[in-house]
N, C-alpha and C. Protein backbone atom coordinates (compact mmCIF):
# COMPACT_ATOMS: atom_id res chain seq x y z
N UNK A 1 -88.20 139.19 52.93
CA UNK A 1 -87.77 138.36 51.86
C UNK A 1 -86.34 137.88 52.13
N UNK A 2 -86.11 136.60 51.90
CA UNK A 2 -84.78 136.05 52.08
C UNK A 2 -83.87 136.49 50.95
N UNK A 3 -82.63 136.82 51.34
CA UNK A 3 -81.65 137.11 50.30
C UNK A 3 -80.85 135.86 50.02
N UNK A 4 -80.22 135.86 48.91
CA UNK A 4 -79.40 134.70 48.48
C UNK A 4 -78.33 134.39 49.52
N UNK A 5 -77.78 135.41 50.15
CA UNK A 5 -76.69 135.20 51.10
C UNK A 5 -77.08 134.26 52.23
N UNK A 6 -78.39 134.16 52.53
CA UNK A 6 -78.79 133.30 53.66
C UNK A 6 -78.64 131.82 53.37
N UNK A 7 -78.50 131.42 52.12
CA UNK A 7 -78.31 130.00 51.82
C UNK A 7 -77.24 129.72 50.77
N UNK A 8 -76.29 130.65 50.65
CA UNK A 8 -75.21 130.44 49.71
C UNK A 8 -74.26 129.36 50.23
N UNK A 9 -73.71 128.59 49.30
CA UNK A 9 -72.75 127.54 49.63
C UNK A 9 -71.33 128.00 49.36
N UNK A 10 -70.36 127.35 50.01
CA UNK A 10 -68.97 127.66 49.68
C UNK A 10 -68.70 127.35 48.23
N UNK A 11 -67.75 128.06 47.67
CA UNK A 11 -67.49 127.96 46.24
C UNK A 11 -66.13 127.27 46.01
N UNK A 12 -66.09 126.47 44.97
CA UNK A 12 -64.82 125.84 44.55
C UNK A 12 -64.33 126.60 43.34
N UNK A 13 -63.09 127.05 43.40
CA UNK A 13 -62.53 127.85 42.31
C UNK A 13 -61.26 127.23 41.76
N UNK A 14 -60.93 127.68 40.59
CA UNK A 14 -59.65 127.33 39.94
C UNK A 14 -59.25 128.51 39.08
N UNK A 15 -57.99 128.54 38.72
CA UNK A 15 -57.50 129.62 37.84
C UNK A 15 -57.71 129.20 36.37
N UNK A 16 -57.74 130.15 35.45
CA UNK A 16 -57.92 129.81 34.02
C UNK A 16 -56.82 128.91 33.47
N UNK A 17 -55.66 128.92 34.11
CA UNK A 17 -54.55 128.11 33.60
C UNK A 17 -54.57 126.65 34.09
N UNK A 18 -55.48 126.32 35.03
CA UNK A 18 -55.58 124.96 35.53
C UNK A 18 -55.90 124.01 34.38
N UNK A 19 -55.45 122.80 34.50
CA UNK A 19 -55.73 121.78 33.50
C UNK A 19 -57.17 121.22 33.67
N UNK A 20 -57.67 120.69 32.59
CA UNK A 20 -58.98 120.06 32.66
C UNK A 20 -59.01 118.93 33.67
N UNK A 21 -57.92 118.18 33.73
CA UNK A 21 -57.84 117.08 34.68
C UNK A 21 -57.88 117.58 36.11
N UNK A 22 -57.17 118.68 36.40
CA UNK A 22 -57.16 119.25 37.75
C UNK A 22 -58.54 119.72 38.15
N UNK A 23 -59.29 120.33 37.22
CA UNK A 23 -60.63 120.81 37.51
C UNK A 23 -61.57 119.65 37.72
N UNK A 24 -61.43 118.60 36.92
CA UNK A 24 -62.28 117.41 37.11
C UNK A 24 -62.01 116.77 38.50
N UNK A 25 -60.73 116.79 38.91
CA UNK A 25 -60.42 116.24 40.24
C UNK A 25 -61.03 117.10 41.35
N UNK A 26 -61.04 118.42 41.18
CA UNK A 26 -61.68 119.28 42.14
C UNK A 26 -63.17 118.95 42.29
N UNK A 27 -63.83 118.77 41.14
CA UNK A 27 -65.25 118.41 41.16
C UNK A 27 -65.46 117.11 41.89
N UNK A 28 -64.64 116.13 41.63
CA UNK A 28 -64.75 114.83 42.27
C UNK A 28 -64.50 114.94 43.77
N UNK A 29 -63.43 115.60 44.12
CA UNK A 29 -63.05 115.75 45.55
C UNK A 29 -64.10 116.46 46.38
N UNK A 30 -64.75 117.48 45.79
CA UNK A 30 -65.71 118.30 46.52
C UNK A 30 -67.15 117.93 46.22
N UNK A 31 -67.33 116.93 45.35
CA UNK A 31 -68.68 116.45 44.98
C UNK A 31 -69.57 117.60 44.46
N UNK A 32 -69.03 118.35 43.49
CA UNK A 32 -69.74 119.47 42.88
C UNK A 32 -69.80 119.28 41.38
N UNK A 33 -70.74 119.90 40.74
CA UNK A 33 -70.91 119.80 39.30
C UNK A 33 -70.37 120.98 38.55
N UNK A 34 -69.76 121.94 39.26
CA UNK A 34 -69.23 123.13 38.58
C UNK A 34 -68.10 123.72 39.43
N UNK A 35 -67.17 124.31 38.74
CA UNK A 35 -66.06 125.05 39.35
C UNK A 35 -66.06 126.43 38.73
N UNK A 36 -66.00 127.44 39.55
CA UNK A 36 -65.92 128.81 39.09
C UNK A 36 -64.44 129.13 38.79
N UNK A 37 -64.20 129.67 37.64
CA UNK A 37 -62.86 130.06 37.25
C UNK A 37 -62.67 131.53 37.65
N UNK A 38 -61.68 131.78 38.49
CA UNK A 38 -61.53 133.10 39.08
C UNK A 38 -60.11 133.62 38.94
N UNK A 39 -60.04 134.95 38.88
CA UNK A 39 -58.78 135.68 38.97
C UNK A 39 -58.97 136.79 39.97
N UNK A 40 -58.07 136.92 40.92
CA UNK A 40 -58.15 137.91 41.98
C UNK A 40 -59.48 137.89 42.68
N UNK A 41 -59.97 136.68 42.99
CA UNK A 41 -61.23 136.45 43.70
C UNK A 41 -62.46 136.96 42.96
N UNK A 42 -62.33 137.15 41.63
CA UNK A 42 -63.47 137.58 40.82
C UNK A 42 -63.73 136.52 39.75
N UNK A 43 -65.00 136.22 39.49
CA UNK A 43 -65.32 135.19 38.51
C UNK A 43 -65.05 135.66 37.09
N UNK A 44 -64.34 134.83 36.33
CA UNK A 44 -64.11 135.12 34.92
C UNK A 44 -64.70 134.06 34.02
N UNK A 45 -65.17 132.97 34.63
CA UNK A 45 -65.77 131.89 33.85
C UNK A 45 -66.33 130.82 34.80
N UNK A 46 -66.96 129.82 34.20
CA UNK A 46 -67.46 128.68 34.97
C UNK A 46 -67.35 127.45 34.11
N UNK A 47 -67.02 126.33 34.71
CA UNK A 47 -66.91 125.05 34.00
C UNK A 47 -67.79 124.05 34.75
N UNK A 48 -68.64 123.37 33.99
CA UNK A 48 -69.49 122.34 34.55
C UNK A 48 -68.98 120.96 34.19
N UNK A 49 -69.52 119.98 34.83
CA UNK A 49 -69.16 118.60 34.49
C UNK A 49 -69.52 118.27 33.06
N UNK A 50 -70.59 118.86 32.56
CA UNK A 50 -70.97 118.66 31.15
C UNK A 50 -69.92 119.30 30.23
N UNK A 51 -69.47 120.51 30.57
CA UNK A 51 -68.42 121.16 29.79
C UNK A 51 -67.19 120.26 29.66
N UNK A 52 -66.81 119.63 30.77
CA UNK A 52 -65.64 118.75 30.75
C UNK A 52 -65.88 117.54 29.85
N UNK A 53 -67.03 116.91 29.98
CA UNK A 53 -67.36 115.74 29.15
C UNK A 53 -67.33 116.10 27.68
N UNK A 54 -67.98 117.19 27.33
CA UNK A 54 -68.03 117.58 25.91
C UNK A 54 -66.67 118.02 25.42
N UNK A 55 -65.96 118.83 26.26
CA UNK A 55 -64.65 119.32 25.85
C UNK A 55 -63.64 118.23 25.65
N UNK A 56 -63.63 117.23 26.52
CA UNK A 56 -62.63 116.18 26.42
C UNK A 56 -63.08 115.05 25.50
N UNK A 57 -64.27 114.53 25.74
CA UNK A 57 -64.69 113.37 24.97
C UNK A 57 -65.18 113.71 23.55
N UNK A 58 -66.02 114.71 23.42
CA UNK A 58 -66.60 115.03 22.11
C UNK A 58 -65.65 115.85 21.24
N UNK A 59 -64.85 116.71 21.87
CA UNK A 59 -63.99 117.58 21.09
C UNK A 59 -62.51 117.16 21.13
N UNK A 60 -62.24 116.08 21.83
CA UNK A 60 -60.89 115.51 21.82
C UNK A 60 -59.81 116.31 22.45
N UNK A 61 -60.13 117.17 23.41
CA UNK A 61 -59.10 117.97 24.07
C UNK A 61 -58.34 117.04 25.06
N UNK A 62 -57.11 117.37 25.29
CA UNK A 62 -56.30 116.66 26.24
C UNK A 62 -56.68 117.08 27.65
N UNK A 63 -56.54 116.15 28.61
CA UNK A 63 -56.78 116.49 29.98
C UNK A 63 -55.81 117.53 30.55
N UNK A 64 -54.70 117.69 29.86
CA UNK A 64 -53.71 118.71 30.27
C UNK A 64 -53.99 120.08 29.63
N UNK A 65 -54.99 120.17 28.76
CA UNK A 65 -55.38 121.47 28.21
C UNK A 65 -55.88 122.39 29.29
N UNK A 66 -55.70 123.67 29.07
CA UNK A 66 -56.15 124.67 30.03
C UNK A 66 -57.67 124.75 30.05
N UNK A 67 -58.23 124.93 31.27
CA UNK A 67 -59.67 125.06 31.42
C UNK A 67 -60.21 126.32 30.73
N UNK A 68 -59.35 127.29 30.51
CA UNK A 68 -59.76 128.53 29.81
C UNK A 68 -60.35 128.23 28.46
N UNK A 69 -59.94 127.13 27.83
CA UNK A 69 -60.42 126.78 26.51
C UNK A 69 -61.83 126.28 26.45
N UNK A 70 -62.42 125.88 27.59
CA UNK A 70 -63.80 125.34 27.57
C UNK A 70 -64.71 126.08 28.53
N UNK A 71 -64.21 127.00 29.35
CA UNK A 71 -65.07 127.66 30.31
C UNK A 71 -66.08 128.56 29.62
N UNK A 72 -67.24 128.66 30.28
CA UNK A 72 -68.26 129.60 29.79
C UNK A 72 -67.92 130.97 30.31
N UNK A 73 -67.91 131.90 29.41
CA UNK A 73 -67.56 133.30 29.78
C UNK A 73 -68.32 134.26 28.87
N UNK A 74 -68.77 135.39 29.29
CA UNK A 74 -68.72 135.87 30.67
C UNK A 74 -69.66 135.06 31.54
N UNK A 75 -69.35 134.99 32.81
CA UNK A 75 -70.14 134.22 33.75
C UNK A 75 -71.23 135.11 34.35
N UNK A 76 -72.46 134.55 34.41
CA UNK A 76 -73.56 135.25 35.04
C UNK A 76 -73.34 135.20 36.57
N UNK A 77 -73.59 136.26 37.24
CA UNK A 77 -73.47 136.27 38.72
C UNK A 77 -74.74 136.89 39.34
N UNK A 78 -74.87 136.67 40.62
CA UNK A 78 -75.94 137.28 41.41
C UNK A 78 -75.30 137.95 42.61
N UNK A 79 -75.87 139.06 43.02
CA UNK A 79 -75.34 139.79 44.21
C UNK A 79 -75.85 139.12 45.46
N UNK A 80 -75.07 139.11 46.49
CA UNK A 80 -75.44 138.40 47.73
C UNK A 80 -76.70 138.98 48.39
N UNK A 81 -77.06 140.21 48.08
CA UNK A 81 -78.27 140.81 48.65
C UNK A 81 -79.50 140.62 47.79
N UNK A 82 -79.33 139.99 46.62
CA UNK A 82 -80.46 139.76 45.74
C UNK A 82 -81.45 138.75 46.37
N UNK A 83 -82.69 138.85 46.01
CA UNK A 83 -83.70 137.97 46.54
C UNK A 83 -83.84 136.67 45.74
N UNK A 84 -84.59 135.77 46.30
CA UNK A 84 -84.80 134.46 45.68
C UNK A 84 -85.52 134.64 44.33
N UNK A 85 -86.52 135.51 44.26
CA UNK A 85 -87.26 135.70 43.01
C UNK A 85 -86.32 136.19 41.89
N UNK A 86 -85.52 137.21 42.19
CA UNK A 86 -84.60 137.75 41.17
C UNK A 86 -83.63 136.66 40.72
N UNK A 87 -83.17 135.85 41.67
CA UNK A 87 -82.19 134.79 41.34
C UNK A 87 -82.84 133.73 40.47
N UNK A 88 -84.06 133.30 40.85
CA UNK A 88 -84.73 132.28 40.03
C UNK A 88 -85.07 132.83 38.63
N UNK A 89 -85.40 134.06 38.59
CA UNK A 89 -85.70 134.74 37.29
C UNK A 89 -84.45 134.77 36.40
N UNK A 90 -83.32 135.11 36.99
CA UNK A 90 -82.08 135.12 36.23
C UNK A 90 -81.70 133.72 35.75
N UNK A 91 -81.89 132.73 36.59
CA UNK A 91 -81.61 131.35 36.18
C UNK A 91 -82.49 130.95 35.00
N UNK A 92 -83.75 131.32 35.06
CA UNK A 92 -84.68 131.01 33.97
C UNK A 92 -84.27 131.73 32.68
N UNK A 93 -84.00 133.00 32.77
CA UNK A 93 -83.64 133.81 31.59
C UNK A 93 -82.37 133.31 30.93
N UNK A 94 -81.39 132.94 31.72
CA UNK A 94 -80.08 132.57 31.18
C UNK A 94 -79.91 131.07 30.96
N UNK A 95 -80.82 130.27 31.51
CA UNK A 95 -80.74 128.82 31.35
C UNK A 95 -79.59 128.20 32.12
N UNK A 96 -79.21 128.82 33.25
CA UNK A 96 -78.12 128.24 34.06
C UNK A 96 -78.69 127.67 35.35
N UNK A 97 -77.97 126.71 35.90
CA UNK A 97 -78.40 126.04 37.15
C UNK A 97 -77.52 126.43 38.34
N UNK A 98 -76.43 127.19 38.05
CA UNK A 98 -75.53 127.60 39.13
C UNK A 98 -75.13 129.05 38.88
N UNK A 99 -75.12 129.84 39.94
CA UNK A 99 -74.70 131.23 39.84
C UNK A 99 -73.68 131.58 40.94
N UNK A 100 -72.55 132.05 40.56
CA UNK A 100 -71.61 132.55 41.57
C UNK A 100 -72.25 133.78 42.23
N UNK A 101 -72.01 133.90 43.52
CA UNK A 101 -72.54 135.00 44.30
C UNK A 101 -71.38 135.95 44.60
N UNK A 102 -71.63 137.26 44.34
CA UNK A 102 -70.55 138.25 44.54
C UNK A 102 -71.00 139.34 45.51
N UNK A 103 -70.01 140.03 46.05
CA UNK A 103 -70.26 141.15 46.98
C UNK A 103 -70.27 142.46 46.19
N UNK A 104 -70.29 143.56 46.89
CA UNK A 104 -70.36 144.88 46.23
C UNK A 104 -69.14 145.15 45.33
N UNK A 105 -68.01 144.52 45.63
CA UNK A 105 -66.79 144.72 44.85
C UNK A 105 -66.64 143.69 43.73
N UNK A 106 -67.63 142.83 43.56
CA UNK A 106 -67.55 141.80 42.52
C UNK A 106 -66.71 140.61 42.92
N UNK A 107 -66.38 140.51 44.20
CA UNK A 107 -65.56 139.39 44.69
C UNK A 107 -66.47 138.23 45.07
N UNK A 108 -66.00 137.04 44.84
CA UNK A 108 -66.76 135.83 45.11
C UNK A 108 -67.02 135.63 46.60
N UNK A 109 -68.30 135.28 46.93
CA UNK A 109 -68.61 134.93 48.31
C UNK A 109 -69.22 133.55 48.38
N UNK A 110 -69.57 132.96 47.28
CA UNK A 110 -70.15 131.62 47.28
C UNK A 110 -70.84 131.29 45.98
N UNK A 111 -71.69 130.28 46.02
CA UNK A 111 -72.44 129.87 44.84
C UNK A 111 -73.83 129.49 45.27
N UNK A 112 -74.82 129.73 44.40
CA UNK A 112 -76.17 129.31 44.64
C UNK A 112 -76.59 128.46 43.48
N UNK A 113 -77.29 127.35 43.77
CA UNK A 113 -77.70 126.44 42.70
C UNK A 113 -79.21 126.41 42.56
N UNK A 114 -79.65 125.88 41.45
CA UNK A 114 -81.07 125.71 41.17
C UNK A 114 -81.71 124.91 42.30
N UNK A 115 -81.05 123.87 42.77
CA UNK A 115 -81.57 123.04 43.85
C UNK A 115 -81.74 123.84 45.13
N UNK A 116 -80.79 124.77 45.41
CA UNK A 116 -80.88 125.61 46.59
C UNK A 116 -82.14 126.49 46.54
N UNK A 117 -82.36 127.10 45.39
CA UNK A 117 -83.51 127.97 45.19
C UNK A 117 -84.80 127.17 45.31
N UNK A 118 -84.82 126.01 44.71
CA UNK A 118 -85.99 125.15 44.75
C UNK A 118 -86.31 124.74 46.21
N UNK A 119 -85.33 124.42 46.99
CA UNK A 119 -85.54 124.07 48.40
C UNK A 119 -86.11 125.23 49.21
N UNK A 120 -85.61 126.41 49.00
CA UNK A 120 -86.11 127.60 49.69
C UNK A 120 -87.56 127.85 49.30
N UNK A 121 -87.87 127.78 48.02
CA UNK A 121 -89.21 128.01 47.56
C UNK A 121 -90.15 126.91 48.10
N UNK A 122 -89.70 125.68 48.15
CA UNK A 122 -90.54 124.61 48.71
C UNK A 122 -90.83 124.85 50.17
N UNK A 123 -89.83 125.31 50.92
CA UNK A 123 -90.02 125.62 52.33
C UNK A 123 -91.05 126.76 52.51
N UNK A 124 -90.92 127.76 51.67
CA UNK A 124 -91.87 128.88 51.75
C UNK A 124 -93.30 128.42 51.43
N UNK A 125 -93.45 127.56 50.44
CA UNK A 125 -94.77 127.03 50.10
C UNK A 125 -95.33 126.20 51.27
N UNK A 126 -94.45 125.42 51.92
CA UNK A 126 -94.87 124.65 53.08
C UNK A 126 -95.35 125.55 54.21
N UNK A 127 -94.61 126.62 54.43
CA UNK A 127 -95.00 127.60 55.46
C UNK A 127 -96.38 128.19 55.15
N UNK A 128 -96.62 128.54 53.90
CA UNK A 128 -97.91 129.05 53.50
C UNK A 128 -99.02 128.02 53.74
N UNK A 129 -98.73 126.79 53.37
CA UNK A 129 -99.72 125.73 53.55
C UNK A 129 -100.08 125.53 55.00
N UNK A 130 -99.08 125.55 55.88
CA UNK A 130 -99.37 125.42 57.32
C UNK A 130 -100.20 126.60 57.82
N UNK A 131 -99.92 127.81 57.29
CA UNK A 131 -100.66 128.97 57.71
C UNK A 131 -102.11 128.87 57.26
N UNK A 132 -102.33 128.42 56.07
CA UNK A 132 -103.71 128.27 55.56
C UNK A 132 -104.44 127.19 56.36
N UNK A 133 -103.77 126.10 56.62
CA UNK A 133 -104.36 124.97 57.36
C UNK A 133 -104.78 125.40 58.76
N UNK A 134 -103.91 126.16 59.43
CA UNK A 134 -104.24 126.61 60.80
C UNK A 134 -105.39 127.63 60.78
N UNK A 135 -105.42 128.48 59.76
CA UNK A 135 -106.50 129.46 59.61
C UNK A 135 -107.86 128.74 59.35
N UNK A 136 -107.82 127.68 58.56
CA UNK A 136 -109.06 126.96 58.24
C UNK A 136 -109.59 126.19 59.48
N UNK A 137 -108.69 125.74 60.35
CA UNK A 137 -109.12 125.00 61.53
C UNK A 137 -109.79 125.91 62.56
N UNK A 138 -109.50 127.21 62.50
CA UNK A 138 -110.11 128.17 63.43
C UNK A 138 -111.58 128.41 63.07
N UNK A 139 -111.91 128.29 61.80
CA UNK A 139 -113.28 128.58 61.34
C UNK A 139 -114.22 127.52 61.73
């Protein structure tokens, strides 16, 4: 079974004191939809592009406001040795599309997204299909 660590992506982080504008710029610069808010390399929250839109546009916060005011906390995480099934199950249970990946000490090692999990599962289904197809051609 593949572990999450085999397809984890680099993570973009910011501190809780960063401004909403600075976090939005990070998202734009790195073409990501979420930034993990961290202290001492440990996740303390997460901010998505939707959080920014709602926080600034719908709730009238200033772009200079601290990201701590809109981040989701506590943040759900997955361990780097967890499997794809456990990760997809956690995403389903919690309704999140992005999970920070942590090591044994709770330190950030990356992020895994719904799209990442979906791609791995699609590849596994394709592998099964090829196996069935080759078995059927032998008969």
